[in-house]
N, C-alpha and C. Protein backbone atom coordinates (compact mmCIF):
# COMPACT_ATOMS: atom_id res chain seq x y z
N MET A 1 20.80 12.87 -18.37
CA MET A 1 19.39 13.16 -18.12
C MET A 1 18.88 12.17 -17.07
N ASP A 2 18.14 12.68 -16.11
CA ASP A 2 17.52 11.84 -15.09
C ASP A 2 16.01 11.81 -15.27
N TYR A 3 15.41 10.73 -14.83
CA TYR A 3 13.96 10.55 -14.85
C TYR A 3 13.45 10.45 -13.42
N ALA A 4 12.37 11.15 -13.12
CA ALA A 4 11.73 11.00 -11.81
C ALA A 4 11.11 9.61 -11.73
N LEU A 5 11.06 9.07 -10.52
CA LEU A 5 10.52 7.73 -10.32
C LEU A 5 9.51 7.77 -9.18
N ALA A 6 8.33 7.21 -9.40
CA ALA A 6 7.27 7.20 -8.38
C ALA A 6 6.99 5.77 -7.94
N ILE A 7 8.00 5.13 -7.34
CA ILE A 7 7.85 3.76 -6.83
C ILE A 7 8.30 3.78 -5.38
N ASP A 8 7.48 3.20 -4.50
CA ASP A 8 7.84 3.13 -3.08
C ASP A 8 9.21 2.48 -2.90
N ASP A 9 9.94 2.94 -1.90
CA ASP A 9 11.22 2.34 -1.52
C ASP A 9 12.27 2.43 -2.64
N ALA A 10 12.11 3.38 -3.57
CA ALA A 10 13.04 3.53 -4.68
C ALA A 10 13.62 4.94 -4.65
N PRO A 11 14.76 5.15 -5.32
CA PRO A 11 15.28 6.52 -5.43
C PRO A 11 14.26 7.43 -6.12
N THR A 12 14.36 8.72 -5.89
CA THR A 12 13.40 9.65 -6.51
C THR A 12 13.70 9.88 -7.98
N THR A 13 14.95 9.61 -8.40
CA THR A 13 15.30 9.73 -9.81
C THR A 13 16.19 8.55 -10.22
N ILE A 14 16.18 8.27 -11.52
CA ILE A 14 17.06 7.26 -12.10
C ILE A 14 17.68 7.85 -13.36
N PRO A 15 18.89 7.42 -13.71
CA PRO A 15 19.51 7.95 -14.93
C PRO A 15 18.90 7.36 -16.19
N ALA A 16 18.98 8.12 -17.28
CA ALA A 16 18.56 7.61 -18.58
C ALA A 16 19.31 6.31 -18.86
N GLY A 17 18.63 5.39 -19.53
CA GLY A 17 19.23 4.10 -19.86
C GLY A 17 18.94 3.01 -18.84
N THR A 18 18.27 3.36 -17.75
CA THR A 18 18.00 2.39 -16.68
C THR A 18 16.89 1.41 -17.07
N GLY A 19 17.16 0.14 -16.85
CA GLY A 19 16.14 -0.90 -17.01
C GLY A 19 15.78 -1.45 -15.64
N ILE A 20 14.50 -1.52 -15.34
CA ILE A 20 14.01 -1.99 -14.05
C ILE A 20 13.24 -3.29 -14.26
N LEU A 21 13.56 -4.30 -13.46
CA LEU A 21 12.83 -5.56 -13.49
C LEU A 21 11.81 -5.53 -12.35
N LEU A 22 10.54 -5.70 -12.69
CA LEU A 22 9.47 -5.79 -11.69
C LEU A 22 9.14 -7.26 -11.48
N VAL A 23 9.56 -7.81 -10.34
CA VAL A 23 9.29 -9.21 -10.01
C VAL A 23 8.07 -9.23 -9.10
N HIS A 24 7.07 -10.01 -9.50
CA HIS A 24 5.81 -10.00 -8.76
C HIS A 24 5.22 -11.40 -8.69
N PRO A 25 4.38 -11.67 -7.68
CA PRO A 25 3.65 -12.95 -7.67
C PRO A 25 2.71 -12.99 -8.87
N SER A 26 2.42 -14.17 -9.36
CA SER A 26 1.60 -14.27 -10.58
C SER A 26 0.21 -13.67 -10.40
N THR A 27 -0.27 -13.61 -9.17
CA THR A 27 -1.62 -13.09 -8.94
C THR A 27 -1.62 -11.62 -8.51
N ALA A 28 -0.45 -11.02 -8.42
CA ALA A 28 -0.36 -9.65 -7.88
C ALA A 28 -0.88 -8.62 -8.87
N GLU A 29 -1.36 -7.54 -8.33
CA GLU A 29 -1.86 -6.41 -9.11
C GLU A 29 -0.70 -5.45 -9.37
N THR A 30 -0.21 -5.44 -10.59
CA THR A 30 0.94 -4.60 -10.94
C THR A 30 0.54 -3.28 -11.59
N ASP A 31 -0.74 -3.11 -11.86
CA ASP A 31 -1.19 -1.93 -12.62
C ASP A 31 -0.77 -0.61 -11.99
N ARG A 32 -0.86 -0.49 -10.67
CA ARG A 32 -0.53 0.78 -10.02
C ARG A 32 0.95 1.13 -10.23
N ILE A 33 1.84 0.16 -10.02
CA ILE A 33 3.28 0.43 -10.21
C ILE A 33 3.54 0.78 -11.67
N ASP A 34 2.95 0.02 -12.57
CA ASP A 34 3.15 0.23 -14.00
C ASP A 34 2.68 1.61 -14.44
N THR A 35 1.47 1.98 -14.05
CA THR A 35 0.92 3.26 -14.51
C THR A 35 1.59 4.44 -13.83
N ASP A 36 1.99 4.30 -12.56
CA ASP A 36 2.75 5.38 -11.90
C ASP A 36 4.09 5.57 -12.61
N PHE A 37 4.71 4.47 -13.01
CA PHE A 37 5.97 4.55 -13.76
C PHE A 37 5.77 5.30 -15.08
N LEU A 38 4.69 4.98 -15.79
CA LEU A 38 4.46 5.56 -17.11
C LEU A 38 4.06 7.03 -17.08
N LYS A 39 3.34 7.45 -16.05
CA LYS A 39 2.80 8.82 -16.10
C LYS A 39 3.70 9.86 -15.41
N THR A 40 4.79 9.43 -14.80
CA THR A 40 5.67 10.35 -14.10
C THR A 40 6.79 10.82 -15.02
N ASP A 41 6.93 12.16 -15.18
CA ASP A 41 8.10 12.73 -15.87
C ASP A 41 8.34 12.10 -17.23
N THR A 42 7.28 12.07 -18.06
CA THR A 42 7.34 11.35 -19.33
C THR A 42 6.75 12.20 -20.46
N ASP A 43 7.45 12.22 -21.60
CA ASP A 43 6.92 12.88 -22.80
C ASP A 43 6.15 11.90 -23.68
N GLN A 44 6.70 10.70 -23.84
CA GLN A 44 6.06 9.65 -24.65
C GLN A 44 6.37 8.31 -24.01
N PHE A 45 5.46 7.33 -24.15
CA PHE A 45 5.77 6.00 -23.65
C PHE A 45 5.18 4.93 -24.56
N LEU A 46 5.83 3.75 -24.50
CA LEU A 46 5.42 2.59 -25.27
C LEU A 46 5.06 1.47 -24.31
N VAL A 47 3.86 0.92 -24.45
CA VAL A 47 3.45 -0.26 -23.68
C VAL A 47 3.53 -1.45 -24.62
N ILE A 48 4.43 -2.38 -24.32
CA ILE A 48 4.55 -3.61 -25.09
C ILE A 48 3.72 -4.65 -24.35
N SER A 49 2.61 -5.03 -24.96
CA SER A 49 1.67 -5.91 -24.26
C SER A 49 1.65 -7.30 -24.88
N THR A 50 2.16 -8.26 -24.11
CA THR A 50 2.16 -9.65 -24.56
C THR A 50 1.11 -10.45 -23.81
N ARG A 51 0.42 -9.80 -22.88
CA ARG A 51 -0.54 -10.47 -22.00
C ARG A 51 -1.97 -10.02 -22.23
N THR A 52 -2.15 -8.79 -22.70
CA THR A 52 -3.48 -8.24 -22.93
C THR A 52 -3.51 -7.54 -24.29
N THR A 53 -4.70 -7.25 -24.77
CA THR A 53 -4.84 -6.58 -26.07
C THR A 53 -4.70 -5.06 -25.91
N ALA A 54 -4.55 -4.38 -27.03
CA ALA A 54 -4.45 -2.91 -27.02
C ALA A 54 -5.68 -2.29 -26.36
N ARG A 55 -6.84 -2.85 -26.61
CA ARG A 55 -8.07 -2.30 -26.01
C ARG A 55 -8.01 -2.38 -24.48
N GLU A 56 -7.53 -3.51 -23.96
CA GLU A 56 -7.41 -3.66 -22.51
C GLU A 56 -6.36 -2.71 -21.93
N VAL A 57 -5.27 -2.50 -22.66
CA VAL A 57 -4.25 -1.54 -22.20
C VAL A 57 -4.85 -0.14 -22.15
N THR A 58 -5.61 0.23 -23.18
CA THR A 58 -6.25 1.55 -23.21
C THR A 58 -7.18 1.72 -22.01
N GLN A 59 -7.95 0.69 -21.70
CA GLN A 59 -8.85 0.76 -20.54
C GLN A 59 -8.07 0.95 -19.24
N LYS A 60 -6.94 0.27 -19.11
CA LYS A 60 -6.10 0.42 -17.92
C LYS A 60 -5.57 1.85 -17.81
N LEU A 61 -5.10 2.40 -18.93
CA LEU A 61 -4.58 3.76 -18.91
C LEU A 61 -5.67 4.76 -18.52
N GLU A 62 -6.88 4.56 -19.06
CA GLU A 62 -8.00 5.44 -18.72
C GLU A 62 -8.33 5.34 -17.23
N HIS A 63 -8.39 4.11 -16.72
CA HIS A 63 -8.76 3.89 -15.32
C HIS A 63 -7.78 4.57 -14.36
N TYR A 64 -6.49 4.50 -14.69
CA TYR A 64 -5.46 5.09 -13.82
C TYR A 64 -5.09 6.52 -14.22
N GLU A 65 -5.88 7.10 -15.12
CA GLU A 65 -5.73 8.50 -15.52
C GLU A 65 -4.32 8.82 -16.04
N VAL A 66 -3.84 7.96 -16.92
CA VAL A 66 -2.57 8.18 -17.59
C VAL A 66 -2.89 8.90 -18.90
N GLU A 67 -2.10 9.92 -19.25
CA GLU A 67 -2.37 10.69 -20.46
C GLU A 67 -2.19 9.82 -21.71
N GLU A 68 -3.31 9.48 -22.32
CA GLU A 68 -3.28 8.57 -23.47
C GLU A 68 -2.62 9.18 -24.70
N ASP A 69 -2.61 10.51 -24.79
CA ASP A 69 -1.98 11.13 -25.96
C ASP A 69 -0.46 10.95 -25.96
N LYS A 70 0.10 10.49 -24.86
CA LYS A 70 1.54 10.20 -24.79
C LYS A 70 1.83 8.73 -25.09
N ALA A 71 0.78 7.93 -25.25
CA ALA A 71 0.93 6.47 -25.33
C ALA A 71 1.01 5.94 -26.75
N THR A 72 1.88 4.96 -26.91
CA THR A 72 1.87 4.09 -28.07
C THR A 72 1.79 2.68 -27.51
N ILE A 73 0.93 1.86 -28.09
CA ILE A 73 0.74 0.49 -27.61
C ILE A 73 1.20 -0.48 -28.69
N LEU A 74 2.02 -1.44 -28.29
CA LEU A 74 2.44 -2.51 -29.18
C LEU A 74 1.73 -3.78 -28.71
N ASP A 75 0.74 -4.21 -29.47
CA ASP A 75 -0.12 -5.34 -29.14
C ASP A 75 0.45 -6.60 -29.79
N ALA A 76 0.83 -7.57 -28.96
CA ALA A 76 1.40 -8.82 -29.47
C ALA A 76 0.41 -9.97 -29.47
N LEU A 77 -0.85 -9.70 -29.09
CA LEU A 77 -1.84 -10.78 -28.96
C LEU A 77 -2.91 -10.82 -30.04
N SER A 78 -3.38 -9.65 -30.46
CA SER A 78 -4.59 -9.59 -31.28
C SER A 78 -4.47 -10.31 -32.62
N VAL A 79 -3.32 -10.19 -33.28
CA VAL A 79 -3.15 -10.82 -34.59
C VAL A 79 -3.27 -12.34 -34.43
N GLU A 80 -2.52 -12.90 -33.47
CA GLU A 80 -2.54 -14.35 -33.26
C GLU A 80 -3.92 -14.86 -32.89
N ARG A 81 -4.66 -14.09 -32.11
CA ARG A 81 -5.97 -14.53 -31.65
C ARG A 81 -7.09 -14.19 -32.64
N GLY A 82 -6.76 -13.54 -33.74
CA GLY A 82 -7.75 -13.26 -34.76
C GLY A 82 -8.70 -12.13 -34.44
N TYR A 83 -8.32 -11.26 -33.46
CA TYR A 83 -9.18 -10.13 -33.11
C TYR A 83 -9.09 -9.04 -34.17
N THR A 84 -10.15 -8.26 -34.27
CA THR A 84 -10.13 -7.10 -35.17
C THR A 84 -9.05 -6.14 -34.69
N ARG A 85 -8.30 -5.64 -35.63
CA ARG A 85 -7.23 -4.71 -35.25
C ARG A 85 -7.15 -3.60 -36.28
N ARG A 86 -6.88 -2.43 -35.77
CA ARG A 86 -6.73 -1.26 -36.65
C ARG A 86 -5.40 -0.61 -36.34
N GLN A 87 -4.46 -0.75 -37.27
CA GLN A 87 -3.16 -0.10 -37.11
C GLN A 87 -3.39 1.41 -37.11
N SER A 88 -2.71 2.11 -36.24
CA SER A 88 -2.80 3.58 -36.21
C SER A 88 -1.47 4.10 -35.71
N ASP A 89 -1.37 5.42 -35.59
CA ASP A 89 -0.12 6.01 -35.11
C ASP A 89 0.19 5.56 -33.69
N ASP A 90 -0.85 5.32 -32.89
CA ASP A 90 -0.60 5.01 -31.49
C ASP A 90 -0.89 3.55 -31.11
N VAL A 91 -1.29 2.72 -32.06
CA VAL A 91 -1.45 1.28 -31.80
C VAL A 91 -0.77 0.52 -32.94
N ARG A 92 0.18 -0.31 -32.56
CA ARG A 92 0.93 -1.11 -33.52
C ARG A 92 0.79 -2.58 -33.14
N TYR A 93 1.09 -3.45 -34.08
CA TYR A 93 0.91 -4.88 -33.84
C TYR A 93 2.13 -5.67 -34.30
N VAL A 94 2.41 -6.76 -33.60
CA VAL A 94 3.30 -7.80 -34.10
C VAL A 94 2.46 -9.06 -34.17
N SER A 95 2.96 -10.04 -34.92
CA SER A 95 2.13 -11.21 -35.23
C SER A 95 1.78 -12.06 -34.02
N ALA A 96 2.68 -12.13 -33.03
CA ALA A 96 2.45 -12.98 -31.85
C ALA A 96 3.54 -12.66 -30.82
N PRO A 97 3.34 -13.06 -29.56
CA PRO A 97 4.38 -12.80 -28.55
C PRO A 97 5.73 -13.44 -28.88
N GLU A 98 5.73 -14.50 -29.70
CA GLU A 98 7.03 -15.10 -30.04
C GLU A 98 7.79 -14.32 -31.12
N ASP A 99 7.19 -13.26 -31.66
CA ASP A 99 7.87 -12.42 -32.66
C ASP A 99 8.80 -11.45 -31.94
N LEU A 100 9.86 -11.99 -31.34
CA LEU A 100 10.78 -11.17 -30.55
C LEU A 100 11.50 -10.14 -31.41
N ASP A 101 11.87 -10.52 -32.65
CA ASP A 101 12.53 -9.56 -33.53
C ASP A 101 11.59 -8.39 -33.85
N GLY A 102 10.29 -8.70 -34.04
CA GLY A 102 9.32 -7.64 -34.30
C GLY A 102 9.16 -6.71 -33.11
N ILE A 103 9.15 -7.29 -31.89
CA ILE A 103 9.02 -6.48 -30.68
C ILE A 103 10.22 -5.55 -30.54
N VAL A 104 11.42 -6.08 -30.76
CA VAL A 104 12.63 -5.26 -30.67
C VAL A 104 12.62 -4.18 -31.75
N ALA A 105 12.25 -4.54 -32.97
CA ALA A 105 12.23 -3.57 -34.07
C ALA A 105 11.21 -2.46 -33.83
N GLU A 106 10.03 -2.80 -33.32
CA GLU A 106 9.01 -1.78 -33.04
C GLU A 106 9.42 -0.87 -31.88
N THR A 107 10.14 -1.43 -30.92
CA THR A 107 10.64 -0.61 -29.81
C THR A 107 11.66 0.39 -30.34
N ARG A 108 12.58 -0.08 -31.17
CA ARG A 108 13.56 0.83 -31.78
C ARG A 108 12.86 1.90 -32.61
N ARG A 109 11.87 1.48 -33.39
CA ARG A 109 11.13 2.43 -34.23
C ARG A 109 10.48 3.51 -33.37
N PHE A 110 9.82 3.09 -32.28
CA PHE A 110 9.19 4.06 -31.37
C PHE A 110 10.22 5.06 -30.84
N LEU A 111 11.34 4.58 -30.39
CA LEU A 111 12.36 5.46 -29.80
C LEU A 111 13.02 6.34 -30.87
N ASP A 112 13.17 5.81 -32.09
CA ASP A 112 13.72 6.63 -33.19
C ASP A 112 12.78 7.76 -33.58
N GLU A 113 11.47 7.51 -33.45
CA GLU A 113 10.47 8.49 -33.93
C GLU A 113 10.01 9.47 -32.87
N THR A 114 10.46 9.31 -31.63
CA THR A 114 10.01 10.19 -30.55
C THR A 114 11.20 10.91 -29.93
N GLU A 115 10.89 11.97 -29.17
CA GLU A 115 11.95 12.74 -28.52
C GLU A 115 11.56 12.99 -27.08
N GLY A 116 12.53 13.50 -26.32
CA GLY A 116 12.27 13.84 -24.93
C GLY A 116 12.43 12.64 -24.03
N LYS A 117 11.72 12.67 -22.92
CA LYS A 117 11.78 11.59 -21.95
C LYS A 117 10.81 10.49 -22.36
N ARG A 118 11.38 9.32 -22.67
CA ARG A 118 10.59 8.19 -23.16
C ARG A 118 10.74 7.01 -22.23
N ARG A 119 9.63 6.32 -22.00
CA ARG A 119 9.61 5.13 -21.16
C ARG A 119 8.98 3.98 -21.93
N ILE A 120 9.43 2.76 -21.61
CA ILE A 120 8.73 1.59 -22.15
C ILE A 120 8.34 0.68 -20.99
N SER A 121 7.24 -0.01 -21.15
CA SER A 121 6.80 -1.02 -20.20
C SER A 121 6.57 -2.30 -20.98
N LEU A 122 7.20 -3.39 -20.55
CA LEU A 122 7.02 -4.69 -21.19
C LEU A 122 6.31 -5.62 -20.23
N ASP A 123 5.08 -5.96 -20.56
CA ASP A 123 4.26 -6.83 -19.72
C ASP A 123 3.83 -8.03 -20.58
N SER A 124 4.57 -9.14 -20.60
CA SER A 124 5.55 -9.47 -19.60
C SER A 124 6.62 -10.41 -20.15
N ILE A 125 7.76 -10.43 -19.46
CA ILE A 125 8.83 -11.37 -19.79
C ILE A 125 8.32 -12.80 -19.63
N THR A 126 7.51 -13.04 -18.63
CA THR A 126 6.97 -14.38 -18.38
C THR A 126 6.24 -14.91 -19.61
N GLU A 127 5.42 -14.07 -20.24
CA GLU A 127 4.70 -14.50 -21.45
C GLU A 127 5.66 -14.80 -22.59
N LEU A 128 6.72 -13.98 -22.72
CA LEU A 128 7.69 -14.23 -23.79
C LEU A 128 8.37 -15.58 -23.59
N ILE A 129 8.71 -15.90 -22.34
CA ILE A 129 9.32 -17.20 -22.05
C ILE A 129 8.33 -18.32 -22.39
N TYR A 130 7.08 -18.12 -22.03
CA TYR A 130 6.04 -19.13 -22.32
C TYR A 130 5.92 -19.39 -23.82
N TYR A 131 5.96 -18.32 -24.62
CA TYR A 131 5.79 -18.47 -26.07
C TYR A 131 7.07 -18.89 -26.78
N THR A 132 8.24 -18.58 -26.20
CA THR A 132 9.50 -18.94 -26.86
C THR A 132 10.29 -19.84 -25.91
N ASP A 133 11.31 -19.29 -25.29
CA ASP A 133 12.08 -20.01 -24.27
C ASP A 133 12.92 -18.99 -23.51
N GLU A 134 13.59 -19.46 -22.47
CA GLU A 134 14.34 -18.54 -21.62
C GLU A 134 15.48 -17.87 -22.36
N GLN A 135 16.21 -18.63 -23.16
CA GLN A 135 17.38 -18.07 -23.85
C GLN A 135 16.98 -16.99 -24.85
N ARG A 136 16.02 -17.28 -25.70
CA ARG A 136 15.59 -16.27 -26.69
C ARG A 136 15.03 -15.03 -26.00
N THR A 137 14.28 -15.23 -24.92
CA THR A 137 13.72 -14.09 -24.19
C THR A 137 14.83 -13.27 -23.55
N ARG A 138 15.81 -13.94 -22.96
CA ARG A 138 16.94 -13.23 -22.35
C ARG A 138 17.68 -12.40 -23.41
N GLU A 139 17.90 -12.97 -24.58
CA GLU A 139 18.58 -12.24 -25.66
C GLU A 139 17.77 -11.03 -26.09
N ALA A 140 16.45 -11.19 -26.20
CA ALA A 140 15.59 -10.06 -26.57
C ALA A 140 15.62 -8.98 -25.50
N ALA A 141 15.60 -9.39 -24.22
CA ALA A 141 15.67 -8.41 -23.13
C ALA A 141 17.00 -7.65 -23.18
N GLU A 142 18.08 -8.35 -23.46
CA GLU A 142 19.39 -7.69 -23.58
C GLU A 142 19.39 -6.68 -24.72
N ARG A 143 18.78 -7.03 -25.84
CA ARG A 143 18.70 -6.10 -26.97
C ARG A 143 17.86 -4.88 -26.61
N LEU A 144 16.73 -5.10 -25.92
CA LEU A 144 15.88 -3.97 -25.52
C LEU A 144 16.60 -3.07 -24.54
N LEU A 145 17.32 -3.65 -23.59
CA LEU A 145 18.07 -2.84 -22.62
C LEU A 145 19.16 -2.02 -23.31
N ALA A 146 19.81 -2.60 -24.32
CA ALA A 146 20.84 -1.87 -25.07
C ALA A 146 20.23 -0.68 -25.81
N ILE A 147 19.03 -0.88 -26.37
CA ILE A 147 18.34 0.21 -27.08
C ILE A 147 17.96 1.32 -26.10
N LEU A 148 17.46 0.95 -24.91
CA LEU A 148 17.13 1.96 -23.90
C LEU A 148 18.35 2.81 -23.59
N ASP A 149 19.48 2.15 -23.40
CA ASP A 149 20.71 2.85 -23.05
C ASP A 149 21.15 3.79 -24.17
N GLU A 150 21.10 3.28 -25.37
CA GLU A 150 21.55 4.07 -26.53
C GLU A 150 20.61 5.26 -26.80
N GLN A 151 19.34 5.12 -26.46
CA GLN A 151 18.34 6.15 -26.76
C GLN A 151 18.00 7.04 -25.54
N ASP A 152 18.70 6.84 -24.41
CA ASP A 152 18.44 7.63 -23.19
C ASP A 152 17.00 7.50 -22.70
N ALA A 153 16.44 6.31 -22.84
CA ALA A 153 15.09 6.03 -22.34
C ALA A 153 15.20 5.15 -21.10
N VAL A 154 14.07 4.85 -20.46
CA VAL A 154 14.05 3.94 -19.32
C VAL A 154 12.93 2.92 -19.52
N GLY A 155 13.04 1.78 -18.83
CA GLY A 155 12.04 0.74 -19.03
C GLY A 155 11.72 -0.04 -17.78
N LEU A 156 10.50 -0.57 -17.74
CA LEU A 156 10.01 -1.42 -16.66
C LEU A 156 9.56 -2.73 -17.29
N PHE A 157 10.17 -3.85 -16.85
CA PHE A 157 9.91 -5.16 -17.44
C PHE A 157 9.31 -6.06 -16.38
N HIS A 158 8.12 -6.60 -16.63
CA HIS A 158 7.40 -7.44 -15.66
C HIS A 158 7.87 -8.89 -15.75
N LEU A 159 8.00 -9.54 -14.58
CA LEU A 159 8.32 -10.96 -14.51
C LEU A 159 7.56 -11.58 -13.33
N ALA A 160 6.72 -12.57 -13.62
CA ALA A 160 5.98 -13.27 -12.55
C ALA A 160 6.93 -14.27 -11.91
N GLY A 161 7.51 -13.88 -10.78
CA GLY A 161 8.58 -14.66 -10.16
C GLY A 161 8.20 -16.08 -9.79
N GLY A 162 7.02 -16.29 -9.25
CA GLY A 162 6.63 -17.58 -8.73
C GLY A 162 6.46 -18.69 -9.75
N VAL A 163 6.34 -18.34 -11.03
CA VAL A 163 6.11 -19.38 -12.04
C VAL A 163 7.40 -19.88 -12.67
N HIS A 164 8.52 -19.28 -12.28
CA HIS A 164 9.83 -19.68 -12.83
C HIS A 164 10.70 -20.24 -11.73
N ASP A 165 11.66 -21.08 -12.10
CA ASP A 165 12.68 -21.53 -11.14
C ASP A 165 13.44 -20.31 -10.64
N GLU A 166 13.89 -20.37 -9.41
CA GLU A 166 14.65 -19.25 -8.83
C GLU A 166 15.88 -18.92 -9.66
N SER A 167 16.50 -19.94 -10.26
CA SER A 167 17.69 -19.69 -11.08
C SER A 167 17.35 -18.82 -12.30
N VAL A 168 16.16 -19.01 -12.86
CA VAL A 168 15.72 -18.20 -14.01
C VAL A 168 15.49 -16.76 -13.56
N VAL A 169 14.81 -16.59 -12.44
CA VAL A 169 14.55 -15.24 -11.91
C VAL A 169 15.88 -14.54 -11.63
N ASP A 170 16.82 -15.26 -11.02
CA ASP A 170 18.14 -14.67 -10.70
C ASP A 170 18.88 -14.28 -11.97
N GLU A 171 18.75 -15.09 -13.01
CA GLU A 171 19.41 -14.79 -14.28
C GLU A 171 18.88 -13.47 -14.86
N PHE A 172 17.56 -13.29 -14.80
CA PHE A 172 16.99 -12.04 -15.31
C PHE A 172 17.33 -10.86 -14.40
N ARG A 173 17.36 -11.09 -13.09
CA ARG A 173 17.77 -10.03 -12.16
C ARG A 173 19.13 -9.47 -12.57
N GLY A 174 20.02 -10.37 -12.95
CA GLY A 174 21.38 -9.98 -13.30
C GLY A 174 21.48 -9.09 -14.53
N LEU A 175 20.46 -9.08 -15.37
CA LEU A 175 20.48 -8.25 -16.58
C LEU A 175 20.15 -6.78 -16.30
N PHE A 176 19.44 -6.53 -15.20
CA PHE A 176 18.85 -5.21 -14.98
C PHE A 176 19.63 -4.36 -13.99
N ASP A 177 19.52 -3.04 -14.16
CA ASP A 177 20.16 -2.08 -13.25
C ASP A 177 19.46 -2.05 -11.90
N ALA A 178 18.19 -2.38 -11.90
CA ALA A 178 17.39 -2.27 -10.68
C ALA A 178 16.32 -3.35 -10.68
N VAL A 179 15.93 -3.75 -9.45
CA VAL A 179 14.87 -4.75 -9.30
C VAL A 179 13.86 -4.21 -8.29
N VAL A 180 12.59 -4.26 -8.68
CA VAL A 180 11.50 -3.91 -7.78
C VAL A 180 10.75 -5.20 -7.50
N GLU A 181 10.59 -5.53 -6.21
CA GLU A 181 9.89 -6.76 -5.83
C GLU A 181 8.56 -6.39 -5.21
N LEU A 182 7.50 -6.93 -5.77
CA LEU A 182 6.16 -6.72 -5.24
C LEU A 182 5.76 -7.97 -4.48
N GLY A 183 5.49 -7.83 -3.18
CA GLY A 183 5.10 -8.98 -2.36
C GLY A 183 3.64 -9.29 -2.48
N ARG A 184 3.23 -10.44 -1.97
CA ARG A 184 1.82 -10.85 -2.04
C ARG A 184 0.89 -9.88 -1.33
N ALA A 185 1.38 -9.25 -0.29
CA ALA A 185 0.53 -8.32 0.48
C ALA A 185 0.62 -6.90 -0.07
N GLY A 186 1.28 -6.74 -1.22
CA GLY A 186 1.41 -5.41 -1.81
C GLY A 186 2.63 -4.64 -1.35
N THR A 187 3.50 -5.28 -0.55
CA THR A 187 4.71 -4.61 -0.10
C THR A 187 5.68 -4.46 -1.27
N VAL A 188 6.44 -3.38 -1.25
CA VAL A 188 7.40 -3.12 -2.33
C VAL A 188 8.79 -2.99 -1.73
N THR A 189 9.75 -3.76 -2.26
CA THR A 189 11.15 -3.61 -1.89
C THR A 189 11.95 -3.45 -3.18
N THR A 190 13.00 -2.66 -3.10
CA THR A 190 13.76 -2.37 -4.32
C THR A 190 15.25 -2.54 -4.09
N THR A 191 15.95 -2.82 -5.17
CA THR A 191 17.41 -2.86 -5.19
C THR A 191 17.85 -2.03 -6.38
N PHE A 192 18.56 -0.94 -6.12
CA PHE A 192 19.06 -0.07 -7.19
C PHE A 192 20.57 0.04 -7.10
């Protein structure tokens, strides 16, 4: 099974199981790439948010006209910050961004419970490293990529390149099938 892809300078389709690393400057606007990825050729998608709350993710989806009825949001911030939260079919929570096992388990649960073309977006690896460390985050990313492959889904994983040593960025690049680089001026280059 192939998935259509709406990213500049990228192939028009990618095979099921593909994991894409989005490397961007820490101040760059990634919403357009993220939402174009989620709304193209998709039956269901999961947004794993370690940087913003479920409410903020919903606002982003509305702003970019992404079909919200296809969305499930995994909010990793609200519980830790003490925000009001209401578990529902389309909004789930883990206790904090450092709950990597919970993030992996909820991703597996989402993919087990859905069918068709499924996508996940993880925003962001940088936050997971901040809350845990590079090794634990790398292991979690490897587990998530294995689940994508086993479930014929695809994923986009955000990494703020400028805040990490180049060796760390290169290490994460090596885990993924493809890398999309967003430049400061909004230029996009890809390696597939």
